[in-house]
Amino acid sequence: MKQDEIDQIIAEALEKDKGKSRWHRPSRRRERVMLARNVLNILFMLGFVAAILIYFLLPEQRGLYFTVGITALLLKIAEFVLRFMF
């Protein structure tokens, strides 16, 4: 292949790709799902920390510990489902 042929191929590819951007913005739906996932992850982390604190600071409150811990896990499962559904 000669340099002229290579230059022609590159020029054609650039012209074909001219209107497209490599860094596409995500769609509105994808942005909303990402926001929901981020909120669920933050709530999960807060619940996880709260469960650990309850476990060590209030050892007699096992019911509260399990409630907060299971709620945090359910939030993480919801985020996990969102990750693969959308």
PDB file of N, CA and C in Angstrom:
ATOM      1  N   MET A   1       0.831  -1.165   0.000  1.00  0.00           N
ATOM      2  CA  MET A   1       0.000   0.000   0.000  1.00  0.00           C
ATOM      3  C   MET A   1       0.886   1.242   0.000  1.00  0.00           C
ATOM      4  N   LYS A   2       0.508   2.188  -0.806  1.00  0.00           N
ATOM      5  CA  LYS A   2       1.279   3.425  -0.876  1.00  0.00           C
ATOM      6  C   LYS A   2       0.733   4.426   0.128  1.00  0.00           C
ATOM      7  N   GLN A   3       1.551   5.418   0.405  1.00  0.00           N
ATOM      8  CA  GLN A   3       1.175   6.450   1.367  1.00  0.00           C
ATOM      9  C   GLN A   3      -0.079   7.197   0.909  1.00  0.00           C
ATOM     10  N   ASP A   4      -0.238   7.413  -0.371  1.00  0.00           N
ATOM     11  CA  ASP A   4      -1.425   8.108  -0.886  1.00  0.00           C
ATOM     12  C   ASP A   4      -2.697   7.308  -0.595  1.00  0.00           C
ATOM     13  N   GLU A   5      -2.632   6.003  -0.745  1.00  0.00           N
ATOM     14  CA  GLU A   5      -3.787   5.155  -0.469  1.00  0.00           C
ATOM     15  C   GLU A   5      -4.144   5.182   1.009  1.00  0.00           C
ATOM     16  N   ILE A   6      -3.139   5.155   1.849  1.00  0.00           N
ATOM     17  CA  ILE A   6      -3.354   5.212   3.299  1.00  0.00           C
ATOM     18  C   ILE A   6      -3.979   6.548   3.676  1.00  0.00           C
ATOM     19  N   ASP A   7      -3.455   7.624   3.133  1.00  0.00           N
ATOM     20  CA  ASP A   7      -4.011   8.951   3.411  1.00  0.00           C
ATOM     21  C   ASP A   7      -5.460   9.053   2.954  1.00  0.00           C
ATOM     22  N   GLN A   8      -5.778   8.446   1.822  1.00  0.00           N
ATOM     23  CA  GLN A   8      -7.153   8.466   1.304  1.00  0.00           C
ATOM     24  C   GLN A   8      -8.095   7.702   2.239  1.00  0.00           C
ATOM     25  N   ILE A   9      -7.652   6.556   2.730  1.00  0.00           N
ATOM     26  CA  ILE A   9      -8.465   5.756   3.650  1.00  0.00           C
ATOM     27  C   ILE A   9      -8.717   6.531   4.940  1.00  0.00           C
ATOM     28  N   ILE A  10      -7.676   7.172   5.456  1.00  0.00           N
ATOM     29  CA  ILE A  10      -7.812   7.959   6.685  1.00  0.00           C
ATOM     30  C   ILE A  10      -8.753   9.133   6.460  1.00  0.00           C
ATOM     31  N   ALA A  11      -8.621   9.823   5.335  1.00  0.00           N
ATOM     32  CA  ALA A  11      -9.489  10.955   5.029  1.00  0.00           C
ATOM     33  C   ALA A  11     -10.945  10.517   4.919  1.00  0.00           C
ATOM     34  N   GLU A  12     -11.207   9.380   4.283  1.00  0.00           N
ATOM     35  CA  GLU A  12     -12.568   8.865   4.166  1.00  0.00           C
ATOM     36  C   GLU A  12     -13.140   8.496   5.534  1.00  0.00           C
ATOM     37  N   ALA A  13     -12.332   7.881   6.365  1.00  0.00           N
ATOM     38  CA  ALA A  13     -12.796   7.501   7.700  1.00  0.00           C
ATOM     39  C   ALA A  13     -13.109   8.735   8.545  1.00  0.00           C
ATOM     40  N   LEU A  14     -12.261   9.751   8.439  1.00  0.00           N
ATOM     41  CA  LEU A  14     -12.507  10.979   9.186  1.00  0.00           C
ATOM     42  C   LEU A  14     -13.768  11.684   8.702  1.00  0.00           C
ATOM     43  N   GLU A  15     -13.974  11.698   7.405  1.00  0.00           N
ATOM     44  CA  GLU A  15     -15.169  12.329   6.844  1.00  0.00           C
ATOM     45  C   GLU A  15     -16.424  11.580   7.269  1.00  0.00           C
ATOM     46  N   LYS A  16     -16.347  10.278   7.279  1.00  0.00           N
ATOM     47  CA  LYS A  16     -17.485   9.452   7.676  1.00  0.00           C
ATOM     48  C   LYS A  16     -17.819   9.646   9.154  1.00  0.00           C
ATOM     49  N   ASP A  17     -16.799   9.828   9.970  1.00  0.00           N
ATOM     50  CA  ASP A  17     -16.963   9.953  11.417  1.00  0.00           C
ATOM     51  C   ASP A  17     -17.091  11.407  11.860  1.00  0.00           C
ATOM     52  N   LYS A  18     -17.168  12.329  10.940  1.00  0.00           N
ATOM     53  CA  LYS A  18     -17.119  13.749  11.266  1.00  0.00           C
ATOM     54  C   LYS A  18     -18.256  14.197  12.174  1.00  0.00           C
ATOM     55  N   GLY A  19     -19.474  13.751  11.923  1.00  0.00           N
ATOM     56  CA  GLY A  19     -20.621  14.194  12.700  1.00  0.00           C
ATOM     57  C   GLY A  19     -20.767  13.513  14.040  1.00  0.00           C
ATOM     58  N   LYS A  20     -20.007  12.481  14.272  1.00  0.00           N
ATOM     59  CA  LYS A  20     -20.140  11.720  15.507  1.00  0.00           C
ATOM     60  C   LYS A  20     -19.078  12.143  16.510  1.00  0.00           C
ATOM     61  N   SER A  21     -19.448  12.085  17.753  1.00  0.00           N
ATOM     62  CA  SER A  21     -18.508  12.412  18.820  1.00  0.00           C
ATOM     63  C   SER A  21     -18.091  11.117  19.516  1.00  0.00           C
ATOM     64  N   ARG A  22     -16.864  11.035  19.893  1.00  0.00           N
ATOM     65  CA  ARG A  22     -16.404   9.851  20.619  1.00  0.00           C
ATOM     66  C   ARG A  22     -16.908   9.854  22.050  1.00  0.00           C
ATOM     67  N   TRP A  23     -17.138  11.020  22.598  1.00  0.00           N
ATOM     68  CA  TRP A  23     -17.554  11.148  23.992  1.00  0.00           C
ATOM     69  C   TRP A  23     -19.029  11.507  24.018  1.00  0.00           C
ATOM     70  N   HIS A  24     -19.866  10.503  23.832  1.00  0.00           N
ATOM     71  CA  HIS A  24     -21.305  10.724  23.818  1.00  0.00           C
ATOM     72  C   HIS A  24     -21.796  10.994  25.232  1.00  0.00           C
ATOM     73  N   ARG A  25     -22.756  11.894  25.313  1.00  0.00           N
ATOM     74  CA  ARG A  25     -23.426  12.104  26.587  1.00  0.00           C
ATOM     75  C   ARG A  25     -24.434  10.993  26.784  1.00  0.00           C
ATOM     76  N   PRO A  26     -24.556  10.493  27.996  1.00  0.00           N
ATOM     77  CA  PRO A  26     -25.555   9.446  28.228  1.00  0.00           C
ATOM     78  C   PRO A  26     -26.971   9.998  28.052  1.00  0.00           C
ATOM     79  N   SER A  27     -27.898   9.126  27.752  1.00  0.00           N
ATOM     80  CA  SER A  27     -29.280   9.544  27.574  1.00  0.00           C
ATOM     81  C   SER A  27     -29.870   9.975  28.910  1.00  0.00           C
ATOM     82  N   ARG A  28     -31.010  10.654  28.833  1.00  0.00           N
ATOM     83  CA  ARG A  28     -31.687  11.110  30.049  1.00  0.00           C
ATOM     84  C   ARG A  28     -32.023   9.940  30.975  1.00  0.00           C
ATOM     85  N   ARG A  29     -32.504   8.862  30.377  1.00  0.00           N
ATOM     86  CA  ARG A  29     -32.871   7.700  31.174  1.00  0.00           C
ATOM     87  C   ARG A  29     -31.653   7.132  31.886  1.00  0.00           C
ATOM     88  N   ARG A  30     -30.548   7.041  31.168  1.00  0.00           N
ATOM     89  CA  ARG A  30     -29.317   6.514  31.767  1.00  0.00           C
ATOM     90  C   ARG A  30     -28.821   7.423  32.892  1.00  0.00           C
ATOM     91  N   GLU A  31     -28.960   8.739  32.700  1.00  0.00           N
ATOM     92  CA  GLU A  31     -28.549   9.670  33.760  1.00  0.00           C
ATOM     93  C   GLU A  31     -29.396   9.487  35.012  1.00  0.00           C
ATOM     94  N   ARG A  32     -30.711   9.272  34.822  1.00  0.00           N
ATOM     95  CA  ARG A  32     -31.587   9.072  35.985  1.00  0.00           C
ATOM     96  C   ARG A  32     -31.263   7.767  36.697  1.00  0.00           C
ATOM     97  N   VAL A  33     -30.962   6.727  35.936  1.00  0.00           N
ATOM     98  CA  VAL A  33     -30.608   5.443  36.552  1.00  0.00           C
ATOM     99  C   VAL A  33     -29.294   5.576  37.321  1.00  0.00           C
ATOM    100  N   MET A  34     -28.328   6.285  36.740  1.00  0.00           N
ATOM    101  CA  MET A  34     -27.048   6.479  37.436  1.00  0.00           C
ATOM    102  C   MET A  34     -27.241   7.283  38.721  1.00  0.00           C
ATOM    103  N   LEU A  35     -28.101   8.294  38.677  1.00  0.00           N
ATOM    104  CA  LEU A  35     -28.384   9.075  39.885  1.00  0.00           C
ATOM    105  C   LEU A  35     -29.018   8.190  40.945  1.00  0.00           C
ATOM    106  N   ALA A  36     -29.978   7.373  40.555  1.00  0.00           N
ATOM    107  CA  ALA A  36     -30.627   6.459  41.499  1.00  0.00           C
ATOM    108  C   ALA A  36     -29.614   5.472  42.080  1.00  0.00           C
ATOM    109  N   ARG A  37     -28.736   4.952  41.230  1.00  0.00           N
ATOM    110  CA  ARG A  37     -27.706   4.023  41.716  1.00  0.00           C
ATOM    111  C   ARG A  37     -26.772   4.693  42.708  1.00  0.00           C
ATOM    112  N   ASN A  38     -26.370   5.927  42.411  1.00  0.00           N
ATOM    113  CA  ASN A  38     -25.476   6.647  43.319  1.00  0.00           C
ATOM    114  C   ASN A  38     -26.150   6.903  44.664  1.00  0.00           C
ATOM    115  N   VAL A  39     -27.418   7.300  44.635  1.00  0.00           N
ATOM    116  CA  VAL A  39     -28.147   7.542  45.886  1.00  0.00           C
ATOM    117  C   VAL A  39     -28.268   6.246  46.676  1.00  0.00           C
ATOM    118  N   LEU A  40     -28.618   5.146  46.007  1.00  0.00           N
ATOM    119  CA  LEU A  40     -28.735   3.862  46.701  1.00  0.00           C
ATOM    120  C   LEU A  40     -27.397   3.416  47.286  1.00  0.00           C
ATOM    121  N   ASN A  41     -26.303   3.649  46.572  1.00  0.00           N
ATOM    122  CA  ASN A  41     -24.977   3.290  47.104  1.00  0.00           C
ATOM    123  C   ASN A  41     -24.626   4.115  48.330  1.00  0.00           C
ATOM    124  N   ILE A  42     -24.930   5.404  48.301  1.00  0.00           N
ATOM    125  CA  ILE A  42     -24.646   6.259  49.461  1.00  0.00           C
ATOM    126  C   ILE A  42     -25.471   5.815  50.662  1.00  0.00           C
ATOM    127  N   LEU A  43     -26.767   5.534  50.432  1.00  0.00           N
ATOM    128  CA  LEU A  43     -27.612   5.060  51.524  1.00  0.00           C
ATOM    129  C   LEU A  43     -27.130   3.713  52.060  1.00  0.00           C
ATOM    130  N   PHE A  44     -26.676   2.835  51.175  1.00  0.00           N
ATOM    131  CA  PHE A  44     -26.126   1.549  51.611  1.00  0.00           C
ATOM    132  C   PHE A  44     -24.909   1.759  52.511  1.00  0.00           C
ATOM    133  N   MET A  45     -23.998   2.636  52.092  1.00  0.00           N
ATOM    134  CA  MET A  45     -22.787   2.870  52.892  1.00  0.00           C
ATOM    135  C   MET A  45     -23.130   3.464  54.258  1.00  0.00           C
ATOM    136  N   LEU A  46     -24.070   4.403  54.283  1.00  0.00           N
ATOM    137  CA  LEU A  46     -24.485   4.983  55.567  1.00  0.00           C
ATOM    138  C   LEU A  46     -25.136   3.919  56.449  1.00  0.00           C
ATOM    139  N   GLY A  47     -25.971   3.073  55.856  1.00  0.00           N
ATOM    140  CA  GLY A  47     -26.605   2.004  56.624  1.00  0.00           C
ATOM    141  C   GLY A  47     -25.596   0.996  57.145  1.00  0.00           C
ATOM    142  N   PHE A  48     -24.604   0.698  56.337  1.00  0.00           N
ATOM    143  CA  PHE A  48     -23.567  -0.241  56.749  1.00  0.00           C
ATOM    144  C   PHE A  48     -22.773   0.310  57.935  1.00  0.00           C
ATOM    145  N   VAL A  49     -22.388   1.575  57.850  1.00  0.00           N
ATOM    146  CA  VAL A  49     -21.656   2.205  58.953  1.00  0.00           C
ATOM    147  C   VAL A  49     -22.537   2.275  60.196  1.00  0.00           C
ATOM    148  N   ALA A  50     -23.808   2.619  60.006  1.00  0.00           N
ATOM    149  CA  ALA A  50     -24.727   2.680  61.145  1.00  0.00           C
ATOM    150  C   ALA A  50     -24.868   1.306  61.801  1.00  0.00           C
ATOM    151  N   ALA A  51     -24.959   0.251  61.009  1.00  0.00           N
ATOM    152  CA  ALA A  51     -25.079  -1.100  61.554  1.00  0.00           C
ATOM    153  C   ALA A  51     -23.840  -1.479  62.359  1.00  0.00           C
ATOM    154  N   ILE A  52     -22.668  -1.135  61.851  1.00  0.00           N
ATOM    155  CA  ILE A  52     -21.429  -1.431  62.592  1.00  0.00           C
ATOM    156  C   ILE A  52     -21.393  -0.660  63.907  1.00  0.00           C
ATOM    157  N   LEU A  53     -21.762   0.613  63.854  1.00  0.00           N
ATOM    158  CA  LEU A  53     -21.767   1.419  65.082  1.00  0.00           C
ATOM    159  C   LEU A  53     -22.778   0.860  66.091  1.00  0.00           C
ATOM    160  N   ILE A  54     -23.946   0.478  65.622  1.00  0.00           N
ATOM    161  CA  ILE A  54     -24.952  -0.091  66.526  1.00  0.00           C
ATOM    162  C   ILE A  54     -24.441  -1.396  67.130  1.00  0.00           C
ATOM    163  N   TYR A  55     -23.776  -2.205  66.340  1.00  0.00           N
ATOM    164  CA  TYR A  55     -23.267  -3.486  66.829  1.00  0.00           C
ATOM    165  C   TYR A  55     -22.282  -3.292  67.991  1.00  0.00           C
ATOM    166  N   PHE A  56     -21.393  -2.302  67.859  1.00  0.00           N
ATOM    167  CA  PHE A  56     -20.374  -2.115  68.890  1.00  0.00           C
ATOM    168  C   PHE A  56     -20.809  -1.191  70.014  1.00  0.00           C
ATOM    169  N   LEU A  57     -21.618  -0.174  69.707  1.00  0.00           N
ATOM    170  CA  LEU A  57     -21.997   0.793  70.736  1.00  0.00           C
ATOM    171  C   LEU A  57     -23.248   0.391  71.516  1.00  0.00           C
ATOM    172  N   LEU A  58     -24.123  -0.344  70.882  1.00  0.00           N
ATOM    173  CA  LEU A  58     -25.361  -0.776  71.539  1.00  0.00           C
ATOM    174  C   LEU A  58     -25.526  -2.292  71.398  1.00  0.00           C
ATOM    175  N   PRO A  59     -24.689  -3.069  72.087  1.00  0.00           N
ATOM    176  CA  PRO A  59     -24.732  -4.524  71.891  1.00  0.00           C
ATOM    177  C   PRO A  59     -26.064  -5.149  72.318  1.00  0.00           C
ATOM    178  N   GLU A  60     -26.821  -4.478  73.177  1.00  0.00           N
ATOM    179  CA  GLU A  60     -28.091  -5.038  73.621  1.00  0.00           C
ATOM    180  C   GLU A  60     -29.216  -4.825  72.603  1.00  0.00           C
ATOM    181  N   GLN A  61     -28.982  -4.028  71.587  1.00  0.00           N
ATOM    182  CA  GLN A  61     -29.989  -3.713  70.566  1.00  0.00           C
ATOM    183  C   GLN A  61     -29.788  -4.568  69.306  1.00  0.00           C
ATOM    184  N   ARG A  62     -29.854  -5.881  69.468  1.00  0.00           N
ATOM    185  CA  ARG A  62     -29.640  -6.783  68.331  1.00  0.00           C
ATOM    186  C   ARG A  62     -30.713  -6.622  67.258  1.00  0.00           C
ATOM    187  N   GLY A  63     -31.942  -6.387  67.677  1.00  0.00           N
ATOM    188  CA  GLY A  63     -33.031  -6.227  66.711  1.00  0.00           C
ATOM    189  C   GLY A  63     -32.801  -5.007  65.817  1.00  0.00           C
ATOM    190  N   LEU A  64     -32.366  -3.912  66.405  1.00  0.00           N
ATOM    191  CA  LEU A  64     -32.059  -2.701  65.635  1.00  0.00           C
ATOM    192  C   LEU A  64     -30.879  -2.938  64.700  1.00  0.00           C
ATOM    193  N   TYR A  65     -29.882  -3.656  65.192  1.00  0.00           N
ATOM    194  CA  TYR A  65     -28.718  -3.975  64.369  1.00  0.00           C
ATOM    195  C   TYR A  65     -29.117  -4.781  63.133  1.00  0.00           C
ATOM    196  N   PHE A  66     -29.934  -5.824  63.345  1.00  0.00           N
ATOM    197  CA  PHE A  66     -30.362  -6.644  62.213  1.00  0.00           C
ATOM    198  C   PHE A  66     -31.259  -5.868  61.261  1.00  0.00           C
ATOM    199  N   THR A  67     -32.122  -5.029  61.796  1.00  0.00           N
ATOM    200  CA  THR A  67     -33.015  -4.233  60.948  1.00  0.00           C
ATOM    201  C   THR A  67     -32.225  -3.279  60.055  1.00  0.00           C
ATOM    202  N   VAL A  68     -31.285  -2.563  60.647  1.00  0.00           N
ATOM    203  CA  VAL A  68     -30.471  -1.624  59.869  1.00  0.00           C
ATOM    204  C   VAL A  68     -29.592  -2.374  58.883  1.00  0.00           C
ATOM    205  N   GLY A  69     -29.010  -3.468  59.300  1.00  0.00           N
ATOM    206  CA  GLY A  69     -28.140  -4.247  58.417  1.00  0.00           C
ATOM    207  C   GLY A  69     -28.884  -4.847  57.239  1.00  0.00           C
ATOM    208  N   ILE A  70     -30.045  -5.421  57.491  1.00  0.00           N
ATOM    209  CA  ILE A  70     -30.815  -6.020  56.405  1.00  0.00           C
ATOM    210  C   ILE A  70     -31.347  -4.940  55.461  1.00  0.00           C
ATOM    211  N   THR A  71     -31.734  -3.795  56.009  1.00  0.00           N
ATOM    212  CA  THR A  71     -32.176  -2.681  55.163  1.00  0.00           C
ATOM    213  C   THR A  71     -31.045  -2.219  54.254  1.00  0.00           C
ATOM    214  N   ALA A  72     -29.845  -2.122  54.799  1.00  0.00           N
ATOM    215  CA  ALA A  72     -28.689  -1.725  53.987  1.00  0.00           C
ATOM    216  C   ALA A  72     -28.439  -2.753  52.879  1.00  0.00           C
ATOM    217  N   LEU A  73     -28.537  -4.022  53.200  1.00  0.00           N
ATOM    218  CA  LEU A  73     -28.348  -5.060  52.181  1.00  0.00           C
ATOM    219  C   LEU A  73     -29.425  -4.998  51.101  1.00  0.00           C
ATOM    220  N   LEU A  74     -30.659  -4.731  51.476  1.00  0.00           N
ATOM    221  CA  LEU A  74     -31.730  -4.607  50.488  1.00  0.00           C
ATOM    222  C   LEU A  74     -31.497  -3.415  49.559  1.00  0.00           C
ATOM    223  N   LEU A  75     -30.958  -2.330  50.106  1.00  0.00           N
ATOM    224  CA  LEU A  75     -30.611  -1.182  49.265  1.00  0.00           C
ATOM    225  C   LEU A  75     -29.528  -1.559  48.261  1.00  0.00           C
ATOM    226  N   LYS A  76     -28.544  -2.327  48.701  1.00  0.00           N
ATOM    227  CA  LYS A  76     -27.481  -2.747  47.790  1.00  0.00           C
ATOM    228  C   LYS A  76     -28.013  -3.698  46.720  1.00  0.00           C
ATOM    229  N   ILE A  77     -28.909  -4.566  47.091  1.00  0.00           N
ATOM    230  CA  ILE A  77     -29.501  -5.479  46.112  1.00  0.00           C
ATOM    231  C   ILE A  77     -30.303  -4.692  45.080  1.00  0.00           C
ATOM    232  N   ALA A  78     -31.029  -3.658  45.526  1.00  0.00           N
ATOM    233  CA  ALA A  78     -31.787  -2.821  44.592  1.00  0.00           C
ATOM    234  C   ALA A  78     -30.840  -2.119  43.621  1.00  0.00           C
ATOM    235  N   GLU A  79     -29.727  -1.630  44.109  1.00  0.00           N
ATOM    236  CA  GLU A  79     -28.739  -0.985  43.237  1.00  0.00           C
ATOM    237  C   GLU A  79     -28.168  -1.987  42.249  1.00  0.00           C
ATOM    238  N   PHE A  80     -27.908  -3.185  42.698  1.00  0.00           N
ATOM    239  CA  PHE A  80     -27.377  -4.250  41.857  1.00  0.00           C
ATOM    240  C   PHE A  80     -28.345  -4.585  40.730  1.00  0.00           C
ATOM    241  N   VAL A  81     -29.627  -4.654  41.054  1.00  0.00           N
ATOM    242  CA  VAL A  81     -30.645  -4.926  40.038  1.00  0.00           C
ATOM    243  C   VAL A  81     -30.688  -3.805  39.016  1.00  0.00           C
ATOM    244  N   LEU A  82     -30.625  -2.558  39.483  1.00  0.00           N
ATOM    245  CA  LEU A  82     -30.615  -1.413  38.552  1.00  0.00           C
ATOM    246  C   LEU A  82     -29.414  -1.456  37.624  1.00  0.00           C
ATOM    247  N   ARG A  83     -28.289  -1.907  38.136  1.00  0.00           N
ATOM    248  CA  ARG A  83     -27.077  -1.960  37.316  1.00  0.00           C
ATOM    249  C   ARG A  83     -27.258  -2.848  36.107  1.00  0.00           C
ATOM    250  N   PHE A  84     -27.916  -3.984  36.269  1.00  0.00           N
ATOM    251  CA  PHE A  84     -28.036  -4.925  35.178  1.00  0.00           C
ATOM    252  C   PHE A  84     -29.346  -4.833  34.407  1.00  0.00           C
ATOM    253  N   MET A  85     -30.301  -4.103  34.931  1.00  0.00           N
ATOM    254  CA  MET A  85     -31.574  -3.951  34.223  1.00  0.00           C
ATOM    255  C   MET A  85     -31.537  -2.809  33.205  1.00  0.00           C
ATOM    256  N   PHE A  86     -30.761  -1.772  33.502  1.00  0.00           N
ATOM    257  CA  PHE A  86     -30.764  -0.586  32.631  1.00  0.00           C
ATOM    258  C   PHE A  86     -29.380  -0.287  32.148  1.00  0.00           C
TER     259      PHE A  86
END
